[in-house]
Amino acid sequence: MSLVLAGLITFYPPAVARMGHGMLTLLIWGVCAGFVHGFGYQPDSRAWRVIFAPLPAWLLMVAGLYGALRGMHG
């Protein structure tokens, strides 16, 4: 999902153009966390493990995808 959303943001910006900056920031955070988890990297610091945890990443990506699809259709 990270790859799909990164491609959507990069190659079709109108899909996310109607999102607010705050929501877009959360979406990009979710994409980054998804890549970090997807590559199997485990940060040493507990704080970084929480920031890049897979559950928040998935939730942010699903919310971002919903926002992008909603932005494309209206």
Protein backbone atom coordinates (compact mmCIF):
# COMPACT_ATOMS: atom_id res chain seq x y z
CA MET A 1 0.00 0.00 0.00
CA SER A 2 2.93 2.32 0.70
CA LEU A 3 4.17 1.94 -2.86
CA VAL A 4 0.73 2.60 -4.34
CA LEU A 5 0.18 5.71 -2.22
CA ALA A 6 3.69 7.03 -2.89
CA GLY A 7 3.05 6.59 -6.61
CA LEU A 8 -0.33 8.29 -6.32
CA ILE A 9 1.18 11.28 -4.51
CA THR A 10 4.09 11.51 -6.96
CA PHE A 11 2.45 10.82 -10.30
CA TYR A 12 -1.13 12.01 -9.77
CA PRO A 13 -1.04 14.97 -7.34
CA PRO A 14 -4.62 16.07 -8.12
CA ALA A 15 -5.77 13.02 -6.13
CA VAL A 16 -4.39 14.54 -2.94
CA ALA A 17 -4.66 18.23 -3.89
CA ARG A 18 -7.90 18.75 -2.00
CA MET A 19 -6.53 17.26 1.22
CA GLY A 20 -5.45 19.70 3.85
CA HIS A 21 -1.80 20.01 4.71
CA GLY A 22 -2.37 18.28 8.04
CA MET A 23 -4.02 15.24 6.47
CA LEU A 24 -1.38 15.07 3.73
CA THR A 25 1.35 15.18 6.39
CA LEU A 26 -0.29 12.27 8.21
CA LEU A 27 -0.62 10.37 4.94
CA ILE A 28 3.07 10.82 4.13
CA TRP A 29 3.97 9.77 7.69
CA GLY A 30 1.92 6.60 7.19
CA VAL A 31 3.62 5.91 3.86
CA CYS A 32 7.07 6.41 5.40
CA ALA A 33 6.22 4.20 8.35
CA GLY A 34 4.86 1.60 5.96
CA PHE A 35 8.13 1.57 4.03
CA VAL A 36 10.17 1.35 7.25
CA HIS A 37 8.11 -1.59 8.47
CA GLY A 38 7.93 -3.19 5.03
CA PHE A 39 11.70 -3.28 4.67
CA GLY A 40 11.92 -4.94 8.08
CA TYR A 41 13.88 -2.21 9.82
CA GLN A 42 13.53 -2.23 13.63
CA PRO A 43 14.68 1.02 15.25
CA ASP A 44 16.63 0.68 18.50
CA SER A 45 14.86 3.52 20.29
CA ARG A 46 11.45 2.77 21.75
CA ALA A 47 10.17 6.18 20.62
CA TRP A 48 11.09 5.49 16.99
CA ARG A 49 9.52 2.03 17.19
CA VAL A 50 6.25 3.66 18.28
CA ILE A 51 6.46 6.32 15.55
CA PHE A 52 7.13 3.73 12.83
CA ALA A 53 4.81 1.00 14.17
CA PRO A 54 2.79 -0.86 11.53
CA LEU A 55 -0.70 -0.39 13.03
CA PRO A 56 -0.64 3.44 12.97
CA ALA A 57 0.98 3.28 9.53
CA TRP A 58 -1.86 1.16 8.15
CA LEU A 59 -4.51 3.34 9.77
CA LEU A 60 -2.94 6.51 8.36
CA MET A 61 -2.59 4.98 4.90
CA VAL A 62 -6.19 3.74 4.83
CA ALA A 63 -7.45 7.14 5.98
CA GLY A 64 -5.25 8.83 3.37
CA LEU A 65 -6.45 6.54 0.60
CA TYR A 66 -10.03 7.26 1.61
CA GLY A 67 -9.29 11.00 1.53
CA ALA A 68 -7.58 10.75 -1.85
CA LEU A 69 -10.44 8.77 -3.38
CA ARG A 70 -12.92 11.21 -1.91
CA GLY A 71 -10.91 14.11 -3.36
CA MET A 72 -10.91 12.58 -6.83
CA HIS A 73 -14.69 12.20 -6.89
CA GLY A 74 -15.92 15.37 -5.47
